[in-house]
Amino acid sequence: MDSFTGASSGSSSSSPQMSKEDFMDQLKTQLAQAYAEEFLETVRGKCFEKCITKPGSSLSGSESSCISRCVDRYIEATGIISRALFSSSR
């Protein structure tokens, strides 16, 4: 069985085949999810390292502000990079 399309390598007509459009939609969804998970893990690690000086049971006001600004900067930077990549590929 083909792990990407769900089609078997034989010519059995009883197994449903995924259309190319459905396959591409599923692939885009999986890539977006993987990208989001990687992005969140990176931001979490970088912002924690930068902003949390003394880990404890709660965040101080300055730590909370720092994390908020850090995440905002990562989101903004990712948007800028994405727009640059997509505009240059056209």
C-alpha atoms as a PDB file:
ATOM      1  CA  MET A   1       0.000   0.000   0.000  1.00  0.00           C
ATOM      2  CA  ASP A   2       1.242   3.476  -0.835  1.00  0.00           C
ATOM      3  CA  SER A   3       1.522   5.296   2.492  1.00  0.00           C
ATOM      4  CA  PHE A   4       0.850   8.688   0.932  1.00  0.00           C
ATOM      5  CA  THR A   5      -2.216   8.080  -1.206  1.00  0.00           C
ATOM      6  CA  GLY A   6      -3.693   5.077   0.523  1.00  0.00           C
ATOM      7  CA  ALA A   7      -3.690   3.210  -2.791  1.00  0.00           C
ATOM      8  CA  SER A   8      -2.430  -0.313  -2.973  1.00  0.00           C
ATOM      9  CA  SER A   9       0.158  -1.271  -5.531  1.00  0.00           C
ATOM     10  CA  GLY A  10      -2.182  -3.872  -7.015  1.00  0.00           C
ATOM     11  CA  SER A  11      -4.948  -3.028  -9.435  1.00  0.00           C
ATOM     12  CA  SER A  12      -7.813  -3.763  -7.071  1.00  0.00           C
ATOM     13  CA  SER A  13     -10.704  -1.422  -7.792  1.00  0.00           C
ATOM     14  CA  SER A  14     -12.290  -1.973  -4.363  1.00  0.00           C
ATOM     15  CA  SER A  15      -9.804   0.247  -2.503  1.00  0.00           C
ATOM     16  CA  PRO A  16     -10.671   3.936  -2.684  1.00  0.00           C
ATOM     17  CA  GLN A  17      -8.018   6.179  -4.173  1.00  0.00           C
ATOM     18  CA  MET A  18      -7.380   9.691  -2.995  1.00  0.00           C
ATOM     19  CA  SER A  19      -7.656  12.364  -5.656  1.00  0.00           C
ATOM     20  CA  LYS A  20      -4.601  14.477  -6.364  1.00  0.00           C
ATOM     21  CA  GLU A  21      -6.383  17.543  -4.935  1.00  0.00           C
ATOM     22  CA  ASP A  22      -7.311  15.686  -1.719  1.00  0.00           C
ATOM     23  CA  PHE A  23      -3.759  14.420  -1.405  1.00  0.00           C
ATOM     24  CA  MET A  24      -2.323  17.917  -1.840  1.00  0.00           C
ATOM     25  CA  ASP A  25      -4.798  19.346   0.691  1.00  0.00           C
ATOM     26  CA  GLN A  26      -3.865  16.656   3.203  1.00  0.00           C
ATOM     27  CA  LEU A  27      -0.156  17.228   2.586  1.00  0.00           C
ATOM     28  CA  LYS A  28      -0.534  21.002   3.019  1.00  0.00           C
ATOM     29  CA  THR A  29      -2.414  20.469   6.276  1.00  0.00           C
ATOM     30  CA  GLN A  30       0.245  18.105   7.618  1.00  0.00           C
ATOM     31  CA  LEU A  31       3.068  20.451   6.615  1.00  0.00           C
ATOM     32  CA  ALA A  32       1.319  23.419   8.212  1.00  0.00           C
ATOM     33  CA  GLN A  33       0.809  21.458  11.420  1.00  0.00           C
ATOM     34  CA  ALA A  34       4.454  20.335  11.509  1.00  0.00           C
ATOM     35  CA  TYR A  35       5.612  23.896  10.821  1.00  0.00           C
ATOM     36  CA  ALA A  36       3.397  25.287  13.578  1.00  0.00           C
ATOM     37  CA  GLU A  37       4.674  22.724  16.073  1.00  0.00           C
ATOM     38  CA  GLU A  38       8.295  23.460  15.171  1.00  0.00           C
ATOM     39  CA  PHE A  39       7.672  27.210  15.324  1.00  0.00           C
ATOM     40  CA  LEU A  40       6.063  26.978  18.770  1.00  0.00           C
ATOM     41  CA  GLU A  41       8.864  24.774  20.094  1.00  0.00           C
ATOM     42  CA  THR A  42      11.502  27.200  18.801  1.00  0.00           C
ATOM     43  CA  VAL A  43       9.728  30.245  20.201  1.00  0.00           C
ATOM     44  CA  ARG A  44       9.106  28.511  23.505  1.00  0.00           C
ATOM     45  CA  GLY A  45      12.756  27.558  23.875  1.00  0.00           C
ATOM     46  CA  LYS A  46      14.256  30.853  22.712  1.00  0.00           C
ATOM     47  CA  CYS A  47      11.870  33.087  24.631  1.00  0.00           C
ATOM     48  CA  PHE A  48      12.121  30.996  27.794  1.00  0.00           C
ATOM     49  CA  GLU A  49      15.910  31.123  27.650  1.00  0.00           C
ATOM     50  CA  LYS A  50      15.892  34.880  27.043  1.00  0.00           C
ATOM     51  CA  CYS A  51      13.158  35.924  29.470  1.00  0.00           C
ATOM     52  CA  ILE A  52      13.005  33.525  32.410  1.00  0.00           C
ATOM     53  CA  THR A  53      15.895  34.242  34.749  1.00  0.00           C
ATOM     54  CA  LYS A  54      14.640  32.347  37.810  1.00  0.00           C
ATOM     55  CA  PRO A  55      12.105  29.601  36.974  1.00  0.00           C
ATOM     56  CA  GLY A  56       9.399  29.407  39.599  1.00  0.00           C
ATOM     57  CA  SER A  57       5.724  28.642  40.056  1.00  0.00           C
ATOM     58  CA  SER A  58       4.614  31.868  38.345  1.00  0.00           C
ATOM     59  CA  LEU A  59       5.930  34.562  36.022  1.00  0.00           C
ATOM     60  CA  SER A  60       6.921  37.991  37.230  1.00  0.00           C
ATOM     61  CA  GLY A  61       5.508  41.000  35.419  1.00  0.00           C
ATOM     62  CA  SER A  62       8.768  41.664  33.609  1.00  0.00           C
ATOM     63  CA  GLU A  63       9.077  38.001  32.545  1.00  0.00           C
ATOM     64  CA  SER A  64       5.534  38.020  31.227  1.00  0.00           C
ATOM     65  CA  SER A  65       6.147  41.226  29.265  1.00  0.00           C
ATOM     66  CA  CYS A  66       9.423  39.887  27.910  1.00  0.00           C
ATOM     67  CA  ILE A  67       7.791  36.659  26.707  1.00  0.00           C
ATOM     68  CA  SER A  68       4.967  38.588  25.076  1.00  0.00           C
ATOM     69  CA  ARG A  69       7.383  40.867  23.210  1.00  0.00           C
ATOM     70  CA  CYS A  70       9.609  37.932  22.260  1.00  0.00           C
ATOM     71  CA  VAL A  71       6.726  35.917  20.789  1.00  0.00           C
ATOM     72  CA  ASP A  72       5.437  38.991  18.942  1.00  0.00           C
ATOM     73  CA  ARG A  73       8.885  39.536  17.396  1.00  0.00           C
ATOM     74  CA  TYR A  74       9.126  35.909  16.272  1.00  0.00           C
ATOM     75  CA  ILE A  75       5.675  36.064  14.706  1.00  0.00           C
ATOM     76  CA  GLU A  76       6.506  39.334  12.941  1.00  0.00           C
ATOM     77  CA  ALA A  77       9.875  38.016  11.714  1.00  0.00           C
ATOM     78  CA  THR A  78       8.284  34.827  10.418  1.00  0.00           C
ATOM     79  CA  GLY A  79       5.708  36.870   8.520  1.00  0.00           C
ATOM     80  CA  ILE A  80       8.397  39.038   6.941  1.00  0.00           C
ATOM     81  CA  ILE A  81      10.436  36.007   5.910  1.00  0.00           C
ATOM     82  CA  SER A  82       7.380  34.209   4.536  1.00  0.00           C
ATOM     83  CA  ARG A  83       6.317  37.209   2.472  1.00  0.00           C
ATOM     84  CA  ALA A  84       9.859  37.634   1.135  1.00  0.00           C
ATOM     85  CA  LEU A  85      10.100  33.963   0.175  1.00  0.00           C
ATOM     86  CA  PHE A  86       6.707  33.863  -1.492  1.00  0.00           C
ATOM     87  CA  SER A  87       7.156  37.138  -3.352  1.00  0.00           C
ATOM     88  CA  SER A  88      10.556  36.096  -4.701  1.00  0.00           C
ATOM     89  CA  SER A  89       9.214  32.772  -5.947  1.00  0.00           C
ATOM     90  CA  ARG A  90       6.637  34.475  -8.179  1.00  0.00           C
END
